[in-house]
């Protein structure tokens, strides 16, 4: 679906994803799902809220994943 969104967990990337990388992936997802690269002013609030919610969900996902066979740094 969103080929420009990269995998954000080790070993795909050598260290933990940055907040900027996670937010960029969330933004790409919202753009793809909504069909808008930049929303109209009357949709900006809901668009931004979706990006924030997906960012938070992604952080929770990455923190909760257990990647077997990979070395996890504290």
N, C-alpha and C. Protein backbone atom coordinates (compact mmCIF):
# COMPACT_ATOMS: atom_id res chain seq x y z
N UNK A 1 0.83 -1.19 0.00
CA UNK A 1 0.00 0.00 0.00
C UNK A 1 0.87 1.25 0.00
N UNK A 2 1.70 1.42 1.01
CA UNK A 2 2.54 2.62 1.11
C UNK A 2 3.99 2.20 0.99
N UNK A 3 4.45 2.03 -0.23
CA UNK A 3 5.81 1.54 -0.43
C UNK A 3 6.87 2.51 0.06
N UNK A 4 6.53 3.78 0.22
CA UNK A 4 7.52 4.75 0.68
C UNK A 4 7.69 4.74 2.19
N UNK A 5 6.86 3.99 2.89
CA UNK A 5 7.02 3.87 4.35
C UNK A 5 8.01 2.75 4.61
N UNK A 6 9.11 3.09 5.30
CA UNK A 6 10.13 2.08 5.56
C UNK A 6 9.86 1.35 6.86
N UNK A 7 10.44 0.16 6.98
CA UNK A 7 10.34 -0.61 8.21
C UNK A 7 11.10 0.13 9.30
N UNK A 8 10.50 0.26 10.47
CA UNK A 8 11.07 1.08 11.53
C UNK A 8 11.57 0.28 12.72
N UNK A 9 11.81 -0.99 12.55
CA UNK A 9 12.32 -1.79 13.66
C UNK A 9 13.63 -2.47 13.27
N UNK A 10 14.49 -2.69 14.27
CA UNK A 10 15.69 -3.48 14.00
C UNK A 10 15.28 -4.90 13.63
N UNK A 11 15.95 -5.60 12.82
CA UNK A 11 17.23 -5.26 12.20
C UNK A 11 17.11 -4.49 10.89
N UNK A 12 15.91 -4.11 10.49
CA UNK A 12 15.76 -3.34 9.24
C UNK A 12 16.51 -2.01 9.33
N UNK A 13 16.51 -1.41 10.51
CA UNK A 13 17.35 -0.24 10.76
C UNK A 13 18.23 -0.59 11.95
N UNK A 14 19.45 -0.10 11.98
CA UNK A 14 20.39 -0.53 13.01
C UNK A 14 20.05 -0.09 14.43
N UNK A 15 19.36 1.01 14.59
CA UNK A 15 19.00 1.49 15.93
C UNK A 15 17.51 1.78 15.96
N UNK A 16 17.02 2.15 17.13
CA UNK A 16 15.59 2.45 17.24
C UNK A 16 15.22 3.63 16.36
N UNK A 17 14.01 3.59 15.85
CA UNK A 17 13.51 4.66 14.99
C UNK A 17 13.40 5.96 15.78
N UNK A 18 13.68 7.05 15.11
CA UNK A 18 13.56 8.36 15.77
C UNK A 18 12.11 8.81 15.73
N UNK A 19 11.80 9.78 16.57
CA UNK A 19 10.46 10.36 16.58
C UNK A 19 10.12 10.93 15.20
N UNK A 20 11.09 11.54 14.56
CA UNK A 20 10.89 12.12 13.23
C UNK A 20 10.55 11.04 12.19
N UNK A 21 11.24 9.91 12.24
CA UNK A 21 10.96 8.81 11.31
C UNK A 21 9.57 8.23 11.53
N UNK A 22 9.18 8.10 12.80
CA UNK A 22 7.87 7.55 13.12
C UNK A 22 6.77 8.50 12.66
N UNK A 23 6.94 9.78 12.90
CA UNK A 23 5.93 10.76 12.48
C UNK A 23 5.85 10.82 10.95
N UNK A 24 6.97 10.73 10.26
CA UNK A 24 6.96 10.75 8.79
C UNK A 24 6.19 9.55 8.24
N UNK A 25 6.36 8.40 8.84
CA UNK A 25 5.62 7.22 8.41
C UNK A 25 4.12 7.40 8.66
N UNK A 26 3.76 7.97 9.82
CA UNK A 26 2.35 8.21 10.13
C UNK A 26 1.75 9.20 9.14
N UNK A 27 2.48 10.24 8.81
CA UNK A 27 2.02 11.23 7.84
C UNK A 27 1.79 10.59 6.47
N UNK A 28 2.73 9.76 6.04
CA UNK A 28 2.57 9.07 4.75
C UNK A 28 1.32 8.19 4.75
N UNK A 29 1.09 7.50 5.86
CA UNK A 29 -0.08 6.64 5.97
C UNK A 29 -1.37 7.45 5.87
N UNK A 30 -1.45 8.55 6.61
CA UNK A 30 -2.65 9.39 6.59
C UNK A 30 -2.86 9.99 5.20
N UNK A 31 -1.80 10.42 4.56
CA UNK A 31 -1.92 10.94 3.19
C UNK A 31 -2.47 9.89 2.24
N UNK A 32 -1.97 8.66 2.36
CA UNK A 32 -2.41 7.59 1.47
C UNK A 32 -3.88 7.25 1.71
N UNK A 33 -4.24 7.08 2.98
CA UNK A 33 -5.62 6.69 3.31
C UNK A 33 -6.61 7.79 2.95
N UNK A 34 -6.25 9.04 3.24
CA UNK A 34 -7.18 10.15 3.00
C UNK A 34 -7.23 10.56 1.53
N UNK A 35 -6.15 10.30 0.82
CA UNK A 35 -6.09 10.74 -0.58
C UNK A 35 -5.67 12.19 -0.73
N UNK A 36 -5.26 12.81 0.37
CA UNK A 36 -4.82 14.21 0.34
C UNK A 36 -3.36 14.30 0.71
N UNK A 37 -2.58 15.01 -0.09
CA UNK A 37 -1.20 15.29 0.28
C UNK A 37 -1.19 16.37 1.36
N UNK A 38 -2.01 17.37 1.15
CA UNK A 38 -2.20 18.44 2.13
C UNK A 38 -3.70 18.71 2.19
N UNK A 39 -4.29 18.59 3.37
CA UNK A 39 -5.74 18.75 3.46
C UNK A 39 -6.16 20.22 3.36
N UNK A 40 -7.40 20.42 2.98
CA UNK A 40 -7.99 21.76 3.00
C UNK A 40 -8.08 22.23 4.45
N UNK A 41 -8.18 23.53 4.63
CA UNK A 41 -8.22 24.11 5.98
C UNK A 41 -9.31 23.48 6.84
N UNK A 42 -10.46 23.18 6.26
CA UNK A 42 -11.55 22.61 7.06
C UNK A 42 -11.29 21.16 7.47
N UNK A 43 -10.28 20.50 6.89
CA UNK A 43 -9.93 19.14 7.26
C UNK A 43 -8.61 19.06 8.03
N UNK A 44 -7.94 20.18 8.22
CA UNK A 44 -6.60 20.17 8.81
C UNK A 44 -6.59 19.57 10.22
N UNK A 45 -7.54 19.93 11.04
CA UNK A 45 -7.56 19.45 12.43
C UNK A 45 -7.68 17.93 12.50
N UNK A 46 -8.61 17.36 11.76
CA UNK A 46 -8.81 15.91 11.79
C UNK A 46 -7.61 15.19 11.16
N UNK A 47 -7.02 15.78 10.14
CA UNK A 47 -5.84 15.22 9.49
C UNK A 47 -4.68 15.17 10.50
N UNK A 48 -4.42 16.30 11.17
CA UNK A 48 -3.33 16.38 12.15
C UNK A 48 -3.56 15.43 13.32
N UNK A 49 -4.81 15.33 13.77
CA UNK A 49 -5.14 14.44 14.87
C UNK A 49 -4.86 12.98 14.48
N UNK A 50 -5.20 12.62 13.26
CA UNK A 50 -4.95 11.25 12.79
C UNK A 50 -3.45 10.97 12.77
N UNK A 51 -2.66 11.92 12.31
CA UNK A 51 -1.20 11.74 12.28
C UNK A 51 -0.68 11.51 13.69
N UNK A 52 -1.15 12.29 14.65
CA UNK A 52 -0.69 12.15 16.04
C UNK A 52 -1.11 10.81 16.63
N UNK A 53 -2.34 10.40 16.38
CA UNK A 53 -2.83 9.12 16.92
C UNK A 53 -2.06 7.95 16.33
N UNK A 54 -1.78 8.00 15.05
CA UNK A 54 -1.02 6.92 14.40
C UNK A 54 0.43 6.94 14.87
N UNK A 55 0.98 8.12 15.10
CA UNK A 55 2.33 8.21 15.65
C UNK A 55 2.38 7.53 17.01
N UNK A 56 1.43 7.84 17.88
CA UNK A 56 1.39 7.23 19.21
C UNK A 56 1.20 5.72 19.13
N UNK A 57 0.32 5.27 18.25
CA UNK A 57 0.09 3.83 18.10
C UNK A 57 1.35 3.13 17.60
N UNK A 58 2.08 3.79 16.71
CA UNK A 58 3.31 3.22 16.18
C UNK A 58 4.38 3.10 17.26
N UNK A 59 4.50 4.12 18.09
CA UNK A 59 5.45 4.07 19.20
C UNK A 59 5.10 2.88 20.10
N UNK A 60 3.84 2.72 20.44
CA UNK A 60 3.41 1.59 21.26
C UNK A 60 3.70 0.26 20.62
N UNK A 61 3.47 0.16 19.33
CA UNK A 61 3.75 -1.07 18.61
C UNK A 61 5.24 -1.40 18.65
N UNK A 62 6.07 -0.42 18.31
CA UNK A 62 7.51 -0.66 18.28
C UNK A 62 8.06 -1.00 19.67
N UNK A 63 7.53 -0.37 20.71
CA UNK A 63 7.97 -0.66 22.08
C UNK A 63 7.54 -2.06 22.52
N UNK A 64 6.42 -2.54 22.01
CA UNK A 64 5.90 -3.83 22.43
C UNK A 64 6.38 -5.02 21.62
N UNK A 65 6.95 -4.79 20.46
CA UNK A 65 7.39 -5.90 19.62
C UNK A 65 8.56 -6.64 20.24
N UNK A 66 8.53 -7.93 20.11
CA UNK A 66 9.66 -8.77 20.50
C UNK A 66 10.20 -9.39 19.23
N UNK A 67 11.39 -8.99 18.85
CA UNK A 67 12.01 -9.52 17.64
C UNK A 67 12.99 -10.60 18.08
N UNK A 68 12.62 -11.83 17.86
CA UNK A 68 13.46 -12.94 18.31
C UNK A 68 14.71 -13.05 17.44
N UNK A 69 15.80 -13.33 18.10
CA UNK A 69 17.07 -13.47 17.39
C UNK A 69 17.80 -12.17 17.19
N UNK A 70 17.18 -11.07 17.55
CA UNK A 70 17.82 -9.75 17.41
C UNK A 70 18.28 -9.29 18.78
N UNK A 71 19.39 -8.60 18.80
CA UNK A 71 19.88 -8.03 20.05
C UNK A 71 19.13 -6.75 20.30
N UNK A 72 18.51 -6.63 21.46
CA UNK A 72 17.73 -5.43 21.81
C UNK A 72 18.51 -4.61 22.81
N UNK A 73 18.70 -3.34 22.51
CA UNK A 73 19.42 -2.47 23.42
C UNK A 73 18.45 -1.85 24.41
N UNK A 74 18.87 -1.66 25.66
CA UNK A 74 17.96 -1.10 26.68
C UNK A 74 17.65 0.35 26.45
